[in-house]
Amino acid sequence: MSASKLIETVNNELSLDLPANITLVQLKEQLAAHINHLINHDFQKLVYYLYRIDVSEQKMKALLQSPHQNAGELIAQLIIDRQLEKQKTKEQFRKKENNFDEEEKW
């Protein structure tokens, strides 16, 4: 997945307006800042977003056990990883779809 596609997806999923021309490092930084804001001011919205994006609760709990790391950065990385994983799965299914003959397709 290209960086601009990832940014577009994150913008859509989290109702953000991040510029399409930022780097992945900048995406993670800005996403972490937004998540830290949600942790402090609108935790229910953060929970809703994480549920909607389908971030693994087990992974999140495991990562958040470390008290010396920034929770926003950890959650931002989980969101980015999940979006990349979902895109990879979509691409795999598209490839499988294209491998069928026209007669075999429904």
PDB file of N, CA and C in Angstrom:
ATOM      1  N   MET A   1       0.851  -1.170   0.000  1.00  0.00           N
ATOM      2  CA  MET A   1       0.000   0.000   0.000  1.00  0.00           C
ATOM      3  C   MET A   1       0.895   1.230   0.000  1.00  0.00           C
ATOM      4  N   SER A   2       0.555   2.169  -0.841  1.00  0.00           N
ATOM      5  CA  SER A   2       1.335   3.403  -0.897  1.00  0.00           C
ATOM      6  C   SER A   2       1.036   4.261   0.331  1.00  0.00           C
ATOM      7  N   ALA A   3       1.957   5.150   0.633  1.00  0.00           N
ATOM      8  CA  ALA A   3       1.782   6.028   1.792  1.00  0.00           C
ATOM      9  C   ALA A   3       0.540   6.895   1.635  1.00  0.00           C
ATOM     10  N   SER A   4       0.306   7.407   0.436  1.00  0.00           N
ATOM     11  CA  SER A   4      -0.857   8.278   0.237  1.00  0.00           C
ATOM     12  C   SER A   4      -2.166   7.509   0.408  1.00  0.00           C
ATOM     13  N   LYS A   5      -2.194   6.248  -0.034  1.00  0.00           N
ATOM     14  CA  LYS A   5      -3.393   5.417   0.142  1.00  0.00           C
ATOM     15  C   LYS A   5      -3.610   5.117   1.620  1.00  0.00           C
ATOM     16  N   LEU A   6      -2.533   4.842   2.334  1.00  0.00           N
ATOM     17  CA  LEU A   6      -2.626   4.591   3.771  1.00  0.00           C
ATOM     18  C   LEU A   6      -3.150   5.827   4.498  1.00  0.00           C
ATOM     19  N   ILE A   7      -2.639   6.983   4.147  1.00  0.00           N
ATOM     20  CA  ILE A   7      -3.083   8.235   4.770  1.00  0.00           C
ATOM     21  C   ILE A   7      -4.556   8.475   4.469  1.00  0.00           C
ATOM     22  N   GLU A   8      -4.953   8.230   3.235  1.00  0.00           N
ATOM     23  CA  GLU A   8      -6.362   8.391   2.854  1.00  0.00           C
ATOM     24  C   GLU A   8      -7.254   7.465   3.685  1.00  0.00           C
ATOM     25  N   THR A   9      -6.820   6.231   3.853  1.00  0.00           N
ATOM     26  CA  THR A   9      -7.591   5.261   4.632  1.00  0.00           C
ATOM     27  C   THR A   9      -7.681   5.684   6.094  1.00  0.00           C
ATOM     28  N   VAL A  10      -6.566   6.102   6.668  1.00  0.00           N
ATOM     29  CA  VAL A  10      -6.559   6.558   8.061  1.00  0.00           C
ATOM     30  C   VAL A  10      -7.454   7.784   8.215  1.00  0.00           C
ATOM     31  N   ASN A  11      -7.372   8.706   7.279  1.00  0.00           N
ATOM     32  CA  ASN A  11      -8.239   9.885   7.320  1.00  0.00           C
ATOM     33  C   ASN A  11      -9.710   9.481   7.331  1.00  0.00           C
ATOM     34  N   ASN A  12     -10.074   8.543   6.473  1.00  0.00           N
ATOM     35  CA  ASN A  12     -11.469   8.105   6.395  1.00  0.00           C
ATOM     36  C   ASN A  12     -11.911   7.387   7.662  1.00  0.00           C
ATOM     37  N   GLU A  13     -11.084   6.494   8.159  1.00  0.00           N
ATOM     38  CA  GLU A  13     -11.452   5.692   9.328  1.00  0.00           C
ATOM     39  C   GLU A  13     -11.549   6.524  10.608  1.00  0.00           C
ATOM     40  N   LEU A  14     -10.697   7.542  10.733  1.00  0.00           N
ATOM     41  CA  LEU A  14     -10.635   8.319  11.972  1.00  0.00           C
ATOM     42  C   LEU A  14     -11.182   9.737  11.831  1.00  0.00           C
ATOM     43  N   SER A  15     -11.834  10.011  10.717  1.00  0.00           N
ATOM     44  CA  SER A  15     -12.404  11.345  10.475  1.00  0.00           C
ATOM     45  C   SER A  15     -11.357  12.441  10.658  1.00  0.00           C
ATOM     46  N   LEU A  16     -10.191  12.221  10.074  1.00  0.00           N
ATOM     47  CA  LEU A  16      -9.096  13.186  10.141  1.00  0.00           C
ATOM     48  C   LEU A  16      -8.929  13.874   8.794  1.00  0.00           C
ATOM     49  N   ASP A  17      -8.054  14.858   8.775  1.00  0.00           N
ATOM     50  CA  ASP A  17      -7.755  15.577   7.539  1.00  0.00           C
ATOM     51  C   ASP A  17      -6.241  15.775   7.429  1.00  0.00           C
ATOM     52  N   LEU A  18      -5.509  14.669   7.492  1.00  0.00           N
ATOM     53  CA  LEU A  18      -4.051  14.738   7.376  1.00  0.00           C
ATOM     54  C   LEU A  18      -3.673  14.950   5.918  1.00  0.00           C
ATOM     55  N   PRO A  19      -2.629  15.736   5.654  1.00  0.00           N
ATOM     56  CA  PRO A  19      -2.208  15.954   4.265  1.00  0.00           C
ATOM     57  C   PRO A  19      -1.694  14.659   3.635  1.00  0.00           C
ATOM     58  N   ALA A  20      -1.960  14.477   2.361  1.00  0.00           N
ATOM     59  CA  ALA A  20      -1.590  13.243   1.656  1.00  0.00           C
ATOM     60  C   ALA A  20      -0.093  13.143   1.392  1.00  0.00           C
ATOM     61  N   ASN A  21       0.630  14.244   1.526  1.00  0.00           N
ATOM     62  CA  ASN A  21       2.051  14.241   1.162  1.00  0.00           C
ATOM     63  C   ASN A  21       2.995  14.090   2.356  1.00  0.00           C
ATOM     64  N   ILE A  22       2.503  13.626   3.498  1.00  0.00           N
ATOM     65  CA  ILE A  22       3.389  13.437   4.643  1.00  0.00           C
ATOM     66  C   ILE A  22       4.040  12.056   4.571  1.00  0.00           C
ATOM     67  N   THR A  23       5.135  11.912   5.306  1.00  0.00           N
ATOM     68  CA  THR A  23       5.840  10.625   5.339  1.00  0.00           C
ATOM     69  C   THR A  23       5.140   9.687   6.328  1.00  0.00           C
ATOM     70  N   LEU A  24       5.534   8.429   6.302  1.00  0.00           N
ATOM     71  CA  LEU A  24       4.966   7.471   7.251  1.00  0.00           C
ATOM     72  C   LEU A  24       5.333   7.823   8.688  1.00  0.00           C
ATOM     73  N   VAL A  25       6.534   8.361   8.880  1.00  0.00           N
ATOM     74  CA  VAL A  25       6.954   8.787  10.217  1.00  0.00           C
ATOM     75  C   VAL A  25       6.065   9.932  10.696  1.00  0.00           C
ATOM     76  N   GLN A  26       5.808  10.893   9.816  1.00  0.00           N
ATOM     77  CA  GLN A  26       4.935  12.010  10.169  1.00  0.00           C
ATOM     78  C   GLN A  26       3.507  11.532  10.421  1.00  0.00           C
ATOM     79  N   LEU A  27       3.063  10.566   9.629  1.00  0.00           N
ATOM     80  CA  LEU A  27       1.730  10.000   9.846  1.00  0.00           C
ATOM     81  C   LEU A  27       1.635   9.415  11.248  1.00  0.00           C
ATOM     82  N   LYS A  28       2.626   8.627  11.617  1.00  0.00           N
ATOM     83  CA  LYS A  28       2.609   8.002  12.943  1.00  0.00           C
ATOM     84  C   LYS A  28       2.637   9.061  14.046  1.00  0.00           C
ATOM     85  N   GLU A  29       3.452  10.096  13.877  1.00  0.00           N
ATOM     86  CA  GLU A  29       3.543  11.160  14.888  1.00  0.00           C
ATOM     87  C   GLU A  29       2.214  11.893  15.037  1.00  0.00           C
ATOM     88  N   GLN A  30       1.612  12.272  13.909  1.00  0.00           N
ATOM     89  CA  GLN A  30       0.355  13.013  13.961  1.00  0.00           C
ATOM     90  C   GLN A  30      -0.786  12.135  14.466  1.00  0.00           C
ATOM     91  N   LEU A  31      -0.776  10.882  14.067  1.00  0.00           N
ATOM     92  CA  LEU A  31      -1.789   9.945  14.538  1.00  0.00           C
ATOM     93  C   LEU A  31      -1.641   9.720  16.044  1.00  0.00           C
ATOM     94  N   ALA A  32      -0.410   9.585  16.518  1.00  0.00           N
ATOM     95  CA  ALA A  32      -0.155   9.405  17.952  1.00  0.00           C
ATOM     96  C   ALA A  32      -0.639  10.616  18.749  1.00  0.00           C
ATOM     97  N   ALA A  33      -0.410  11.809  18.238  1.00  0.00           N
ATOM     98  CA  ALA A  33      -0.874  13.020  18.920  1.00  0.00           C
ATOM     99  C   ALA A  33      -2.399  13.038  18.997  1.00  0.00           C
ATOM    100  N   HIS A  34      -3.049  12.656  17.910  1.00  0.00           N
ATOM    101  CA  HIS A  34      -4.515  12.611  17.892  1.00  0.00           C
ATOM    102  C   HIS A  34      -5.029  11.562  18.883  1.00  0.00           C
ATOM    103  N   ILE A  35      -4.387  10.421  18.917  1.00  0.00           N
ATOM    104  CA  ILE A  35      -4.802   9.352  19.828  1.00  0.00           C
ATOM    105  C   ILE A  35      -4.601   9.780  21.278  1.00  0.00           C
ATOM    106  N   ASN A  36      -3.483  10.429  21.582  1.00  0.00           N
ATOM    107  CA  ASN A  36      -3.264  10.923  22.946  1.00  0.00           C
ATOM    108  C   ASN A  36      -4.338  11.930  23.335  1.00  0.00           C
ATOM    109  N   HIS A  37      -4.738  12.765  22.390  1.00  0.00           N
ATOM    110  CA  HIS A  37      -5.827  13.715  22.646  1.00  0.00           C
ATOM    111  C   HIS A  37      -7.116  12.956  22.971  1.00  0.00           C
ATOM    112  N   LEU A  38      -7.411  11.924  22.178  1.00  0.00           N
ATOM    113  CA  LEU A  38      -8.623  11.138  22.428  1.00  0.00           C
ATOM    114  C   LEU A  38      -8.550  10.410  23.769  1.00  0.00           C
ATOM    115  N   ILE A  39      -7.388   9.903  24.128  1.00  0.00           N
ATOM    116  CA  ILE A  39      -7.229   9.224  25.420  1.00  0.00           C
ATOM    117  C   ILE A  39      -7.603  10.172  26.554  1.00  0.00           C
ATOM    118  N   ASN A  40      -7.183  11.419  26.439  1.00  0.00           N
ATOM    119  CA  ASN A  40      -7.407  12.395  27.509  1.00  0.00           C
ATOM    120  C   ASN A  40      -8.766  13.079  27.465  1.00  0.00           C
ATOM    121  N   HIS A  41      -9.371  13.184  26.269  1.00  0.00           N
ATOM    122  CA  HIS A  41     -10.572  14.008  26.154  1.00  0.00           C
ATOM    123  C   HIS A  41     -11.810  13.291  25.625  1.00  0.00           C
ATOM    124  N   ASP A  42     -11.655  12.187  24.935  1.00  0.00           N
ATOM    125  CA  ASP A  42     -12.820  11.491  24.374  1.00  0.00           C
ATOM    126  C   ASP A  42     -12.492  10.009  24.193  1.00  0.00           C
ATOM    127  N   PHE A  43     -12.308   9.340  25.318  1.00  0.00           N
ATOM    128  CA  PHE A  43     -11.877   7.944  25.287  1.00  0.00           C
ATOM    129  C   PHE A  43     -12.896   7.054  24.575  1.00  0.00           C
ATOM    130  N   GLN A  44     -14.177   7.350  24.732  1.00  0.00           N
ATOM    131  CA  GLN A  44     -15.209   6.537  24.071  1.00  0.00           C
ATOM    132  C   GLN A  44     -15.070   6.584  22.554  1.00  0.00           C
ATOM    133  N   LYS A  45     -14.723   7.732  22.034  1.00  0.00           N
ATOM    134  CA  LYS A  45     -14.528   7.856  20.586  1.00  0.00           C
ATOM    135  C   LYS A  45     -13.334   7.015  20.143  1.00  0.00           C
ATOM    136  N   LEU A  46     -12.274   7.017  20.928  1.00  0.00           N
ATOM    137  CA  LEU A  46     -11.104   6.194  20.612  1.00  0.00           C
ATOM    138  C   LEU A  46     -11.485   4.715  20.586  1.00  0.00           C
ATOM    139  N   VAL A  47     -12.228   4.279  21.582  1.00  0.00           N
ATOM    140  CA  VAL A  47     -12.667   2.880  21.633  1.00  0.00           C
ATOM    141  C   VAL A  47     -13.506   2.551  20.405  1.00  0.00           C
ATOM    142  N   TYR A  48     -14.390   3.460  20.024  1.00  0.00           N
ATOM    143  CA  TYR A  48     -15.214   3.267  18.826  1.00  0.00           C
ATOM    144  C   TYR A  48     -14.331   3.111  17.586  1.00  0.00           C
ATOM    145  N   TYR A  49     -13.361   3.985  17.419  1.00  0.00           N
ATOM    146  CA  TYR A  49     -12.468   3.905  16.254  1.00  0.00           C
ATOM    147  C   TYR A  49     -11.689   2.587  16.236  1.00  0.00           C
ATOM    148  N   LEU A  50     -11.170   2.197  17.378  1.00  0.00           N
ATOM    149  CA  LEU A  50     -10.397   0.955  17.442  1.00  0.00           C
ATOM    150  C   LEU A  50     -11.269  -0.251  17.101  1.00  0.00           C
ATOM    151  N   TYR A  51     -12.508  -0.226  17.548  1.00  0.00           N
ATOM    152  CA  TYR A  51     -13.442  -1.306  17.227  1.00  0.00           C
ATOM    153  C   TYR A  51     -13.745  -1.313  15.732  1.00  0.00           C
ATOM    154  N   ARG A  52     -13.998  -0.139  15.187  1.00  0.00           N
ATOM    155  CA  ARG A  52     -14.338  -0.015  13.763  1.00  0.00           C
ATOM    156  C   ARG A  52     -13.183  -0.450  12.861  1.00  0.00           C
ATOM    157  N   ILE A  53     -11.974  -0.109  13.256  1.00  0.00           N
ATOM    158  CA  ILE A  53     -10.789  -0.473  12.474  1.00  0.00           C
ATOM    159  C   ILE A  53     -10.431  -1.939  12.697  1.00  0.00           C
ATOM    160  N   ASP A  54     -10.907  -2.503  13.793  1.00  0.00           N
ATOM    161  CA  ASP A  54     -10.669  -3.905  14.136  1.00  0.00           C
ATOM    162  C   ASP A  54      -9.234  -4.132  14.603  1.00  0.00           C
ATOM    163  N   VAL A  55      -8.779  -3.253  15.487  1.00  0.00           N
ATOM    164  CA  VAL A  55      -7.459  -3.413  16.101  1.00  0.00           C
ATOM    165  C   VAL A  55      -7.568  -4.525  17.144  1.00  0.00           C
ATOM    166  N   SER A  56      -6.619  -5.420  17.147  1.00  0.00           N
ATOM    167  CA  SER A  56      -6.626  -6.552  18.070  1.00  0.00           C
ATOM    168  C   SER A  56      -6.531  -6.075  19.517  1.00  0.00           C
ATOM    169  N   GLU A  57      -7.539  -6.433  20.287  1.00  0.00           N
ATOM    170  CA  GLU A  57      -7.552  -6.053  21.697  1.00  0.00           C
ATOM    171  C   GLU A  57      -6.409  -6.731  22.451  1.00  0.00           C
ATOM    172  N   GLN A  58      -6.114  -7.964  22.091  1.00  0.00           N
ATOM    173  CA  GLN A  58      -5.025  -8.692  22.752  1.00  0.00           C
ATOM    174  C   GLN A  58      -3.678  -8.033  22.487  1.00  0.00           C
ATOM    175  N   LYS A  59      -3.434  -7.644  21.233  1.00  0.00           N
ATOM    176  CA  LYS A  59      -2.170  -6.977  20.907  1.00  0.00           C
ATOM    177  C   LYS A  59      -2.058  -5.660  21.658  1.00  0.00           C
ATOM    178  N   MET A  60      -3.174  -4.927  21.704  1.00  0.00           N
ATOM    179  CA  MET A  60      -3.146  -3.629  22.358  1.00  0.00           C
ATOM    180  C   MET A  60      -2.872  -3.785  23.855  1.00  0.00           C
ATOM    181  N   LYS A  61      -3.534  -4.720  24.491  1.00  0.00           N
ATOM    182  CA  LYS A  61      -3.305  -4.941  25.922  1.00  0.00           C
ATOM    183  C   LYS A  61      -1.857  -5.332  26.189  1.00  0.00           C
ATOM    184  N   ALA A  62      -1.314  -6.193  25.349  1.00  0.00           N
ATOM    185  CA  ALA A  62       0.072  -6.635  25.528  1.00  0.00           C
ATOM    186  C   ALA A  62       1.043  -5.468  25.389  1.00  0.00           C
ATOM    187  N   LEU A  63       0.838  -4.634  24.377  1.00  0.00           N
ATOM    188  CA  LEU A  63       1.742  -3.500  24.163  1.00  0.00           C
ATOM    189  C   LEU A  63       1.624  -2.450  25.263  1.00  0.00           C
ATOM    190  N   LEU A  64       0.419  -2.252  25.761  1.00  0.00           N
ATOM    191  CA  LEU A  64       0.210  -1.197  26.751  1.00  0.00           C
ATOM    192  C   LEU A  64       0.654  -1.600  28.157  1.00  0.00           C
ATOM    193  N   GLN A  65       1.181  -2.803  28.318  1.00  0.00           N
ATOM    194  CA  GLN A  65       1.699  -3.241  29.616  1.00  0.00           C
ATOM    195  C   GLN A  65       2.976  -2.498  29.994  1.00  0.00           C
ATOM    196  N   SER A  66       3.669  -1.963  29.006  1.00  0.00           N
ATOM    197  CA  SER A  66       4.916  -1.246  29.264  1.00  0.00           C
ATOM    198  C   SER A  66       4.604   0.203  29.652  1.00  0.00           C
ATOM    199  N   PRO A  67       4.865   0.577  30.903  1.00  0.00           N
ATOM    200  CA  PRO A  67       4.508   1.920  31.355  1.00  0.00           C
ATOM    201  C   PRO A  67       5.423   3.025  30.821  1.00  0.00           C
ATOM    202  N   HIS A  68       6.543   2.661  30.225  1.00  0.00           N
ATOM    203  CA  HIS A  68       7.513   3.670  29.802  1.00  0.00           C
ATOM    204  C   HIS A  68       7.364   4.079  28.343  1.00  0.00           C
ATOM    205  N   GLN A  69       6.370   3.533  27.662  1.00  0.00           N
ATOM    206  CA  GLN A  69       6.179   3.880  26.257  1.00  0.00           C
ATOM    207  C   GLN A  69       4.916   4.713  26.101  1.00  0.00           C
ATOM    208  N   ASN A  70       4.933   5.564  25.093  1.00  0.00           N
ATOM    209  CA  ASN A  70       3.812   6.443  24.806  1.00  0.00           C
ATOM    210  C   ASN A  70       2.655   5.624  24.238  1.00  0.00           C
ATOM    211  N   ALA A  71       1.527   5.640  24.932  1.00  0.00           N
ATOM    212  CA  ALA A  71       0.365   4.854  24.509  1.00  0.00           C
ATOM    213  C   ALA A  71      -0.123   5.289  23.131  1.00  0.00           C
ATOM    214  N   GLY A  72      -0.095   6.583  22.858  1.00  0.00           N
ATOM    215  CA  GLY A  72      -0.533   7.087  21.556  1.00  0.00           C
ATOM    216  C   GLY A  72       0.299   6.527  20.421  1.00  0.00           C
ATOM    217  N   GLU A  73       1.610   6.459  20.628  1.00  0.00           N
ATOM    218  CA  GLU A  73       2.495   5.915  19.593  1.00  0.00           C
ATOM    219  C   GLU A  73       2.257   4.425  19.379  1.00  0.00           C
ATOM    220  N   LEU A  74       2.049   3.695  20.469  1.00  0.00           N
ATOM    221  CA  LEU A  74       1.801   2.259  20.356  1.00  0.00           C
ATOM    222  C   LEU A  74       0.497   1.983  19.610  1.00  0.00           C
ATOM    223  N   ILE A  75      -0.547   2.713  19.966  1.00  0.00           N
ATOM    224  CA  ILE A  75      -1.845   2.520  19.315  1.00  0.00           C
ATOM    225  C   ILE A  75      -1.782   2.975  17.866  1.00  0.00           C
ATOM    226  N   ALA A  76      -1.069   4.066  17.596  1.00  0.00           N
ATOM    227  CA  ALA A  76      -0.913   4.537  16.213  1.00  0.00           C
ATOM    228  C   ALA A  76      -0.265   3.464  15.353  1.00  0.00           C
ATOM    229  N   GLN A  77       0.763   2.814  15.876  1.00  0.00           N
ATOM    230  CA  GLN A  77       1.426   1.753  15.115  1.00  0.00           C
ATOM    231  C   GLN A  77       0.489   0.569  14.892  1.00  0.00           C
ATOM    232  N   LEU A  78      -0.320   0.237  15.890  1.00  0.00           N
ATOM    233  CA  LEU A  78      -1.294  -0.848  15.722  1.00  0.00           C
ATOM    234  C   LEU A  78      -2.306  -0.516  14.628  1.00  0.00           C
ATOM    235  N   ILE A  79      -2.752   0.736  14.590  1.00  0.00           N
ATOM    236  CA  ILE A  79      -3.710   1.159  13.562  1.00  0.00           C
ATOM    237  C   ILE A  79      -3.072   1.068  12.183  1.00  0.00           C
ATOM    238  N   ILE A  80      -1.860   1.570  12.057  1.00  0.00           N
ATOM    239  CA  ILE A  80      -1.158   1.519  10.769  1.00  0.00           C
ATOM    240  C   ILE A  80      -0.955   0.069  10.335  1.00  0.00           C
ATOM    241  N   ASP A  81      -0.502  -0.766  11.250  1.00  0.00           N
ATOM    242  CA  ASP A  81      -0.287  -2.183  10.923  1.00  0.00           C
ATOM    243  C   ASP A  81      -1.583  -2.851  10.485  1.00  0.00           C
ATOM    244  N   ARG A  82      -2.677  -2.553  11.174  1.00  0.00           N
ATOM    245  CA  ARG A  82      -3.966  -3.170  10.838  1.00  0.00           C
ATOM    246  C   ARG A  82      -4.447  -2.724   9.465  1.00  0.00           C
ATOM    247  N   GLN A  83      -4.278  -1.450   9.153  1.00  0.00           N
ATOM    248  CA  GLN A  83      -4.701  -0.957   7.838  1.00  0.00           C
ATOM    249  C   GLN A  83      -3.884  -1.616   6.734  1.00  0.00           C
ATOM    250  N   LEU A  84      -2.592  -1.775   6.950  1.00  0.00           N
ATOM    251  CA  LEU A  84      -1.736  -2.445   5.963  1.00  0.00           C
ATOM    252  C   LEU A  84      -2.134  -3.912   5.802  1.00  0.00           C
ATOM    253  N   GLU A  85      -2.454  -4.544   6.909  1.00  0.00           N
ATOM    254  CA  GLU A  85      -2.875  -5.947   6.883  1.00  0.00           C
ATOM    255  C   GLU A  85      -4.184  -6.112   6.101  1.00  0.00           C
ATOM    256  N   LYS A  86      -5.132  -5.210   6.333  1.00  0.00           N
ATOM    257  CA  LYS A  86      -6.415  -5.279   5.616  1.00  0.00           C
ATOM    258  C   LYS A  86      -6.215  -5.075   4.118  1.00  0.00           C
ATOM    259  N   GLN A  87      -5.349  -4.145   3.751  1.00  0.00           N
ATOM    260  CA  GLN A  87      -5.094  -3.894   2.333  1.00  0.00           C
ATOM    261  C   GLN A  87      -4.423  -5.100   1.679  1.00  0.00           C
ATOM    262  N   LYS A  88      -3.504  -5.721   2.378  1.00  0.00           N
ATOM    263  CA  LYS A  88      -2.823  -6.907   1.850  1.00  0.00           C
ATOM    264  C   LYS A  88      -3.832  -8.031   1.603  1.00  0.00           C
ATOM    265  N   THR A  89      -4.752  -8.212   2.527  1.00  0.00           N
ATOM    266  CA  THR A  89      -5.782  -9.238   2.373  1.00  0.00           C
ATOM    267  C   THR A  89      -6.663  -8.945   1.164  1.00  0.00           C
ATOM    268  N   LYS A  90      -7.055  -7.692   0.988  1.00  0.00           N
ATOM    269  CA  LYS A  90      -7.870  -7.315  -0.177  1.00  0.00           C
ATOM    270  C   LYS A  90      -7.139  -7.632  -1.475  1.00  0.00           C
ATOM    271  N   GLU A  91      -5.860  -7.315  -1.517  1.00  0.00           N
ATOM    272  CA  GLU A  91      -5.079  -7.572  -2.733  1.00  0.00           C
ATOM    273  C   GLU A  91      -4.969  -9.065  -3.019  1.00  0.00           C
ATOM    274  N   GLN A  92      -4.824  -9.872  -1.983  1.00  0.00           N
ATOM    275  CA  GLN A  92      -4.743 -11.323  -2.172  1.00  0.00           C
ATOM    276  C   GLN A  92      -6.042 -11.866  -2.751  1.00  0.00           C
ATOM    277  N   PHE A  93      -7.172 -11.377  -2.272  1.00  0.00           N
ATOM    278  CA  PHE A  93      -8.448 -11.856  -2.793  1.00  0.00           C
ATOM    279  C   PHE A  93      -8.684 -11.381  -4.216  1.00  0.00           C
ATOM    280  N   ARG A  94      -8.226 -10.187  -4.537  1.00  0.00           N
ATOM    281  CA  ARG A  94      -8.347  -9.707  -5.925  1.00  0.00           C
ATOM    282  C   ARG A  94      -7.546 -10.594  -6.870  1.00  0.00           C
ATOM    283  N   LYS A  95      -6.353 -10.985  -6.453  1.00  0.00           N
ATOM    284  CA  LYS A  95      -5.516 -11.854  -7.283  1.00  0.00           C
ATOM    285  C   LYS A  95      -6.186 -13.204  -7.484  1.00  0.00           C
ATOM    286  N   LYS A  96      -6.763 -13.758  -6.428  1.00  0.00           N
ATOM    287  CA  LYS A  96      -7.445 -15.045  -6.543  1.00  0.00           C
ATOM    288  C   LYS A  96      -8.646 -14.936  -7.472  1.00  0.00           C
ATOM    289  N   GLU A  97      -9.379 -13.827  -7.365  1.00  0.00           N
ATOM    290  CA  GLU A  97     -10.536 -13.604  -8.235  1.00  0.00           C
ATOM    291  C   GLU A  97     -10.129 -13.571  -9.695  1.00  0.00           C
ATOM    292  N   ASN A  98      -9.015 -12.942  -9.976  1.00  0.00           N
ATOM    293  CA  ASN A  98      -8.558 -12.790 -11.356  1.00  0.00           C
ATOM    294  C   ASN A  98      -7.998 -14.076 -11.941  1.00  0.00           C
ATOM    295  N   ASN A  99      -7.724 -15.067 -11.119  1.00  0.00           N
ATOM    296  CA  ASN A  99      -7.177 -16.327 -11.606  1.00  0.00           C
ATOM    297  C   ASN A  99      -8.244 -17.296 -12.104  1.00  0.00           C
ATOM    298  N   PHE A 100      -9.513 -16.987 -11.906  1.00  0.00           N
ATOM    299  CA  PHE A 100     -10.584 -17.856 -12.363  1.00  0.00           C
ATOM    300  C   PHE A 100     -10.938 -17.565 -13.809  1.00  0.00           C
ATOM    301  N   ASP A 101     -11.350 -18.609 -14.516  1.00  0.00           N
ATOM    302  CA  ASP A 101     -11.882 -18.416 -15.862  1.00  0.00           C
ATOM    303  C   ASP A 101     -13.223 -17.717 -15.751  1.00  0.00           C
ATOM    304  N   GLU A 102     -13.639 -17.087 -16.826  1.00  0.00           N
ATOM    305  CA  GLU A 102     -14.924 -16.393 -16.827  1.00  0.00           C
ATOM    306  C   GLU A 102     -16.078 -17.360 -16.544  1.00  0.00           C
ATOM    307  N   GLU A 103     -15.958 -18.591 -16.997  1.00  0.00           N
ATOM    308  CA  GLU A 103     -17.015 -19.579 -16.778  1.00  0.00           C
ATOM    309  C   GLU A 103     -17.137 -19.959 -15.309  1.00  0.00           C
ATOM    310  N   GLU A 104     -16.041 -19.912 -14.575  1.00  0.00           N
ATOM    311  CA  GLU A 104     -16.055 -20.290 -13.169  1.00  0.00           C
ATOM    312  C   GLU A 104     -16.542 -19.167 -12.265  1.00  0.00           C
ATOM    313  N   LYS A 105     -16.520 -17.947 -12.750  1.00  0.00           N
ATOM    314  CA  LYS A 105     -16.983 -16.821 -11.944  1.00  0.00           C
ATOM    315  C   LYS A 105     -18.501 -16.841 -11.878  1.00  0.00           C
ATOM    316  N   TRP A 106     -19.041 -16.346 -10.839  1.00  0.00           N
ATOM    317  CA  TRP A 106     -20.485 -16.333 -10.662  1.00  0.00           C
ATOM    318  C   TRP A 106     -21.035 -15.183 -11.387  1.00  0.00           C
TER     319      TRP A 106
END
